[in-house]
């Protein structure tokens, strides 16, 4: 999995580049979340527009990341969610826990609007 991390205003944007995500390749994602929190960036957007599918391991990492960010006073938004990924969120009843938006820009705006 390739992660591209950028910041816009006070929001970190993680763009994932890989069609399918599973297992051991998820550790760098979790490490990035920890580093962002250490650097004081607790508002995070994860862009899945280059991801077709992910399994339960990614759901676990996302849930842990959300909990960690909320504990640090931040939050997590998801963008670029495919219908297949959305169905995974629905079936696991996580759709109500994760805030998903249509674009990175909308997700950044949703974060920055709560900061104002």
N, C-alpha and C. Protein backbone atom coordinates (compact mmCIF):
# COMPACT_ATOMS: atom_id res chain seq x y z
N UNK A 1 0.85 -1.17 0.00
CA UNK A 1 0.00 0.00 0.00
C UNK A 1 0.89 1.23 0.00
N UNK A 2 0.58 2.17 -0.86
CA UNK A 2 1.30 3.44 -0.89
C UNK A 2 0.43 4.52 -0.27
N UNK A 3 1.02 5.29 0.65
CA UNK A 3 0.32 6.38 1.31
C UNK A 3 0.95 7.69 0.92
N UNK A 4 0.12 8.62 0.50
CA UNK A 4 0.57 9.97 0.21
C UNK A 4 -0.10 10.87 1.25
N UNK A 5 0.70 11.53 2.07
CA UNK A 5 0.16 12.37 3.14
C UNK A 5 0.42 13.83 2.82
N UNK A 6 -0.65 14.61 2.80
CA UNK A 6 -0.54 16.06 2.62
C UNK A 6 -1.36 16.74 3.72
N UNK A 7 -1.11 18.02 3.91
CA UNK A 7 -1.92 18.76 4.87
C UNK A 7 -2.54 19.96 4.17
N UNK A 8 -3.75 20.25 4.56
CA UNK A 8 -4.47 21.40 4.06
C UNK A 8 -5.11 22.06 5.26
N UNK A 9 -4.70 23.29 5.52
CA UNK A 9 -5.11 23.99 6.73
C UNK A 9 -4.65 23.16 7.92
N UNK A 10 -5.53 22.74 8.78
CA UNK A 10 -5.15 21.92 9.94
C UNK A 10 -5.58 20.48 9.79
N UNK A 11 -5.77 20.05 8.53
CA UNK A 11 -6.28 18.71 8.24
C UNK A 11 -5.23 17.92 7.47
N UNK A 12 -4.98 16.68 7.94
CA UNK A 12 -4.09 15.77 7.22
C UNK A 12 -4.93 14.93 6.26
N UNK A 13 -4.45 14.80 5.03
CA UNK A 13 -5.14 13.99 4.02
C UNK A 13 -4.24 12.82 3.67
N UNK A 14 -4.76 11.60 3.89
CA UNK A 14 -4.04 10.38 3.54
C UNK A 14 -4.68 9.80 2.31
N UNK A 15 -3.93 9.76 1.21
CA UNK A 15 -4.42 9.16 -0.04
C UNK A 15 -3.77 7.80 -0.19
N UNK A 16 -4.61 6.80 -0.30
CA UNK A 16 -4.13 5.42 -0.41
C UNK A 16 -4.15 5.02 -1.87
N UNK A 17 -3.03 4.46 -2.34
CA UNK A 17 -2.93 4.02 -3.73
C UNK A 17 -2.67 2.52 -3.77
N UNK A 18 -3.72 1.77 -3.88
CA UNK A 18 -3.64 0.33 -4.10
C UNK A 18 -5.05 -0.17 -4.28
N UNK A 19 -5.27 -1.03 -5.23
CA UNK A 19 -6.62 -1.49 -5.53
C UNK A 19 -7.22 -2.32 -4.39
N UNK A 20 -6.43 -3.25 -3.86
CA UNK A 20 -6.91 -4.13 -2.80
C UNK A 20 -6.00 -4.00 -1.60
N UNK A 21 -6.58 -3.89 -0.42
CA UNK A 21 -5.80 -3.72 0.80
C UNK A 21 -6.14 -4.83 1.77
N UNK A 22 -5.09 -5.43 2.37
CA UNK A 22 -5.34 -6.45 3.38
C UNK A 22 -4.10 -6.63 4.26
N UNK A 23 -4.32 -7.25 5.39
CA UNK A 23 -3.30 -7.75 6.29
C UNK A 23 -2.16 -6.85 6.69
N UNK A 24 -0.95 -7.40 6.56
CA UNK A 24 0.26 -6.78 7.09
C UNK A 24 0.58 -5.42 6.48
N UNK A 25 0.09 -5.15 5.29
CA UNK A 25 0.40 -3.86 4.67
C UNK A 25 -0.31 -2.69 5.34
N UNK A 26 -1.10 -2.95 6.36
CA UNK A 26 -1.83 -1.90 7.05
C UNK A 26 -1.04 -1.21 8.15
N UNK A 27 0.05 -1.80 8.61
CA UNK A 27 0.82 -1.20 9.70
C UNK A 27 1.31 0.21 9.36
N UNK A 28 1.80 0.49 8.15
CA UNK A 28 2.21 1.87 7.85
C UNK A 28 1.07 2.88 8.01
N UNK A 29 -0.15 2.47 7.72
CA UNK A 29 -1.29 3.37 7.89
C UNK A 29 -1.43 3.75 9.35
N UNK A 30 -1.44 2.75 10.23
CA UNK A 30 -1.58 3.01 11.66
C UNK A 30 -0.42 3.87 12.18
N UNK A 31 0.79 3.59 11.69
CA UNK A 31 1.95 4.38 12.10
C UNK A 31 1.81 5.83 11.68
N UNK A 32 1.25 6.09 10.50
CA UNK A 32 1.02 7.46 10.05
C UNK A 32 0.03 8.18 10.97
N UNK A 33 -1.00 7.49 11.38
CA UNK A 33 -1.97 8.09 12.29
C UNK A 33 -1.28 8.50 13.59
N UNK A 34 -0.47 7.61 14.15
CA UNK A 34 0.24 7.92 15.40
C UNK A 34 1.17 9.12 15.22
N UNK A 35 1.89 9.14 14.08
CA UNK A 35 2.80 10.27 13.82
C UNK A 35 2.05 11.58 13.67
N UNK A 36 0.92 11.54 13.01
CA UNK A 36 0.12 12.76 12.85
C UNK A 36 -0.31 13.30 14.21
N UNK A 37 -0.76 12.42 15.08
CA UNK A 37 -1.17 12.85 16.42
C UNK A 37 0.01 13.43 17.18
N UNK A 38 1.17 12.79 17.08
CA UNK A 38 2.39 13.31 17.73
C UNK A 38 2.73 14.70 17.20
N UNK A 39 2.45 14.94 15.92
CA UNK A 39 2.73 16.24 15.30
C UNK A 39 1.60 17.26 15.53
N UNK A 40 0.57 16.85 16.27
CA UNK A 40 -0.53 17.76 16.58
C UNK A 40 -1.62 17.84 15.53
N UNK A 41 -1.59 16.94 14.55
CA UNK A 41 -2.63 16.90 13.51
C UNK A 41 -3.62 15.79 13.87
N UNK A 42 -4.79 16.19 14.34
CA UNK A 42 -5.77 15.19 14.77
C UNK A 42 -7.03 15.17 13.91
N UNK A 43 -7.08 16.02 12.90
CA UNK A 43 -8.19 16.01 11.94
C UNK A 43 -7.67 15.34 10.68
N UNK A 44 -8.26 14.19 10.33
CA UNK A 44 -7.71 13.37 9.25
C UNK A 44 -8.80 13.01 8.25
N UNK A 45 -8.42 13.06 6.97
CA UNK A 45 -9.26 12.59 5.87
C UNK A 45 -8.51 11.44 5.21
N UNK A 46 -9.21 10.33 4.98
CA UNK A 46 -8.62 9.21 4.26
C UNK A 46 -9.34 9.09 2.93
N UNK A 47 -8.57 9.20 1.84
CA UNK A 47 -9.11 9.16 0.49
C UNK A 47 -8.93 7.75 -0.08
N UNK A 48 -10.04 7.07 -0.32
CA UNK A 48 -10.03 5.70 -0.85
C UNK A 48 -10.35 5.66 -2.34
N UNK A 49 -10.24 6.78 -3.04
CA UNK A 49 -10.65 6.81 -4.45
C UNK A 49 -9.83 5.88 -5.35
N UNK A 50 -8.64 5.47 -4.90
CA UNK A 50 -7.81 4.54 -5.68
C UNK A 50 -7.90 3.11 -5.16
N UNK A 51 -8.85 2.85 -4.25
CA UNK A 51 -9.01 1.54 -3.63
C UNK A 51 -10.34 0.95 -4.06
N UNK A 52 -10.30 -0.27 -4.58
CA UNK A 52 -11.54 -0.93 -5.00
C UNK A 52 -12.19 -1.70 -3.85
N UNK A 53 -11.35 -2.26 -2.98
CA UNK A 53 -11.87 -3.13 -1.93
C UNK A 53 -10.88 -3.22 -0.79
N UNK A 54 -11.40 -3.40 0.42
CA UNK A 54 -10.56 -3.76 1.56
C UNK A 54 -11.33 -4.71 2.47
N UNK A 55 -10.59 -5.43 3.29
CA UNK A 55 -11.21 -6.44 4.15
C UNK A 55 -11.34 -6.00 5.58
N UNK A 56 -11.59 -6.97 6.43
CA UNK A 56 -11.85 -6.71 7.83
C UNK A 56 -10.65 -6.11 8.56
N UNK A 57 -9.44 -6.41 8.11
CA UNK A 57 -8.26 -5.84 8.75
C UNK A 57 -8.27 -4.32 8.61
N UNK A 58 -8.65 -3.82 7.45
CA UNK A 58 -8.72 -2.36 7.26
C UNK A 58 -9.83 -1.77 8.10
N UNK A 59 -10.94 -2.46 8.24
CA UNK A 59 -12.02 -1.98 9.11
C UNK A 59 -11.52 -1.85 10.54
N UNK A 60 -10.74 -2.82 10.98
CA UNK A 60 -10.18 -2.76 12.33
C UNK A 60 -9.24 -1.58 12.50
N UNK A 61 -8.38 -1.35 11.51
CA UNK A 61 -7.42 -0.23 11.57
C UNK A 61 -8.17 1.10 11.54
N UNK A 62 -9.19 1.20 10.71
CA UNK A 62 -9.96 2.43 10.64
C UNK A 62 -10.69 2.71 11.96
N UNK A 63 -11.26 1.68 12.55
CA UNK A 63 -11.96 1.84 13.82
C UNK A 63 -11.00 2.25 14.92
N UNK A 64 -9.83 1.61 14.98
CA UNK A 64 -8.81 1.98 15.96
C UNK A 64 -8.34 3.40 15.73
N UNK A 65 -8.13 3.76 14.47
CA UNK A 65 -7.67 5.12 14.14
C UNK A 65 -8.70 6.16 14.56
N UNK A 66 -9.97 5.88 14.28
CA UNK A 66 -11.02 6.81 14.67
C UNK A 66 -11.05 6.99 16.19
N UNK A 67 -11.00 5.90 16.92
CA UNK A 67 -11.01 5.96 18.38
C UNK A 67 -9.80 6.74 18.90
N UNK A 68 -8.63 6.48 18.35
CA UNK A 68 -7.41 7.17 18.76
C UNK A 68 -7.50 8.66 18.48
N UNK A 69 -7.99 9.01 17.29
CA UNK A 69 -8.12 10.43 16.93
C UNK A 69 -9.16 11.13 17.80
N UNK A 70 -10.29 10.48 18.06
CA UNK A 70 -11.32 11.08 18.92
C UNK A 70 -10.77 11.31 20.33
N UNK A 71 -10.00 10.36 20.82
CA UNK A 71 -9.39 10.50 22.16
C UNK A 71 -8.41 11.66 22.21
N UNK A 72 -7.81 11.97 21.07
CA UNK A 72 -6.84 13.08 21.00
C UNK A 72 -7.53 14.40 20.65
N UNK A 73 -8.88 14.40 20.61
CA UNK A 73 -9.62 15.62 20.31
C UNK A 73 -9.83 15.86 18.83
N UNK A 74 -9.59 14.85 18.01
CA UNK A 74 -9.74 15.01 16.57
C UNK A 74 -10.89 14.21 16.01
N UNK A 75 -10.78 13.88 14.73
CA UNK A 75 -11.83 13.12 14.05
C UNK A 75 -11.28 12.58 12.74
N UNK A 76 -12.04 11.69 12.12
CA UNK A 76 -11.64 11.03 10.88
C UNK A 76 -12.80 11.08 9.90
N UNK A 77 -12.51 11.43 8.64
CA UNK A 77 -13.50 11.43 7.57
C UNK A 77 -12.99 10.52 6.44
N UNK A 78 -13.91 9.89 5.73
CA UNK A 78 -13.57 9.01 4.62
C UNK A 78 -14.12 9.59 3.32
N UNK A 79 -13.35 9.52 2.25
CA UNK A 79 -13.80 9.94 0.93
C UNK A 79 -13.43 8.89 -0.10
N UNK A 80 -14.02 9.01 -1.28
CA UNK A 80 -13.71 8.10 -2.38
C UNK A 80 -14.20 6.69 -2.14
N UNK A 81 -15.27 6.55 -1.38
CA UNK A 81 -15.79 5.23 -1.03
C UNK A 81 -16.56 4.65 -2.21
N UNK A 82 -16.14 3.47 -2.66
CA UNK A 82 -16.84 2.78 -3.75
C UNK A 82 -18.12 2.12 -3.21
N UNK A 83 -18.97 1.69 -4.11
CA UNK A 83 -20.18 1.00 -3.70
C UNK A 83 -19.85 -0.29 -2.93
N UNK A 84 -18.80 -0.95 -3.35
CA UNK A 84 -18.40 -2.20 -2.69
C UNK A 84 -17.93 -1.92 -1.26
N UNK A 85 -17.12 -0.89 -1.09
CA UNK A 85 -16.65 -0.54 0.25
C UNK A 85 -17.82 -0.04 1.09
N UNK A 86 -18.71 0.73 0.49
CA UNK A 86 -19.88 1.21 1.21
C UNK A 86 -20.73 0.04 1.70
N UNK A 87 -20.86 -0.99 0.89
CA UNK A 87 -21.64 -2.16 1.31
C UNK A 87 -20.97 -2.87 2.48
N UNK A 88 -19.64 -2.89 2.51
CA UNK A 88 -18.92 -3.47 3.65
C UNK A 88 -19.23 -2.67 4.92
N UNK A 89 -19.21 -1.35 4.80
CA UNK A 89 -19.53 -0.50 5.95
C UNK A 89 -20.97 -0.72 6.41
N UNK A 90 -21.89 -0.90 5.48
CA UNK A 90 -23.29 -1.12 5.82
C UNK A 90 -23.48 -2.47 6.52
N UNK A 91 -22.93 -3.52 5.94
CA UNK A 91 -23.10 -4.87 6.49
C UNK A 91 -22.51 -4.97 7.90
N UNK A 92 -21.39 -4.32 8.12
CA UNK A 92 -20.74 -4.37 9.43
C UNK A 92 -21.30 -3.34 10.40
N UNK A 93 -22.29 -2.58 9.95
CA UNK A 93 -22.94 -1.53 10.73
C UNK A 93 -21.96 -0.44 11.16
N UNK A 94 -20.93 -0.22 10.37
CA UNK A 94 -19.97 0.86 10.63
C UNK A 94 -20.28 2.11 9.83
N UNK A 95 -21.27 2.03 8.95
CA UNK A 95 -21.62 3.19 8.13
C UNK A 95 -22.06 4.36 8.99
N UNK A 96 -22.68 4.10 10.12
CA UNK A 96 -23.11 5.16 11.01
C UNK A 96 -22.01 5.72 11.88
N UNK A 97 -20.89 5.03 11.95
CA UNK A 97 -19.77 5.47 12.78
C UNK A 97 -18.82 6.36 12.00
N UNK A 98 -18.58 6.01 10.74
CA UNK A 98 -17.66 6.78 9.90
C UNK A 98 -18.41 7.80 9.08
N UNK A 99 -17.93 9.02 9.09
CA UNK A 99 -18.51 10.05 8.25
C UNK A 99 -17.85 9.97 6.88
N UNK A 100 -18.65 9.71 5.85
CA UNK A 100 -18.13 9.64 4.49
C UNK A 100 -18.64 10.83 3.69
N UNK A 101 -17.75 11.38 2.88
CA UNK A 101 -18.10 12.52 2.04
C UNK A 101 -17.67 12.23 0.61
N UNK A 102 -18.22 13.00 -0.33
CA UNK A 102 -17.98 12.74 -1.74
C UNK A 102 -16.59 13.12 -2.21
N UNK A 103 -15.99 14.14 -1.59
CA UNK A 103 -14.68 14.60 -2.07
C UNK A 103 -13.78 14.97 -0.89
N UNK A 104 -12.51 15.01 -1.17
CA UNK A 104 -11.52 15.43 -0.17
C UNK A 104 -11.81 16.85 0.26
N UNK A 105 -12.16 17.70 -0.68
CA UNK A 105 -12.44 19.10 -0.38
C UNK A 105 -13.60 19.24 0.60
N UNK A 106 -14.68 18.46 0.37
CA UNK A 106 -15.83 18.48 1.29
C UNK A 106 -15.43 18.00 2.68
N UNK A 107 -14.60 16.97 2.72
CA UNK A 107 -14.16 16.43 4.01
C UNK A 107 -13.30 17.44 4.77
N UNK A 108 -12.41 18.12 4.05
CA UNK A 108 -11.59 19.16 4.68
C UNK A 108 -12.48 20.26 5.22
N UNK A 109 -13.44 20.69 4.41
CA UNK A 109 -14.36 21.75 4.83
C UNK A 109 -15.17 21.33 6.05
N UNK A 110 -15.59 20.07 6.10
CA UNK A 110 -16.38 19.60 7.25
C UNK A 110 -15.54 19.62 8.51
N UNK A 111 -14.25 19.34 8.37
CA UNK A 111 -13.34 19.42 9.53
C UNK A 111 -13.11 20.87 9.94
N UNK A 112 -12.79 21.72 8.98
CA UNK A 112 -12.42 23.09 9.33
C UNK A 112 -13.61 23.90 9.81
N UNK A 113 -14.82 23.53 9.39
CA UNK A 113 -16.00 24.27 9.84
C UNK A 113 -16.26 24.05 11.33
N UNK A 114 -15.87 22.89 11.86
CA UNK A 114 -16.06 22.66 13.29
C UNK A 114 -14.97 23.32 14.13
N UNK A 115 -13.88 23.70 13.47
CA UNK A 115 -12.77 24.35 14.17
C UNK A 115 -13.01 25.84 14.33
N UNK A 116 -13.89 26.40 13.52
CA UNK A 116 -14.11 27.85 13.52
C UNK A 116 -15.06 28.27 14.61
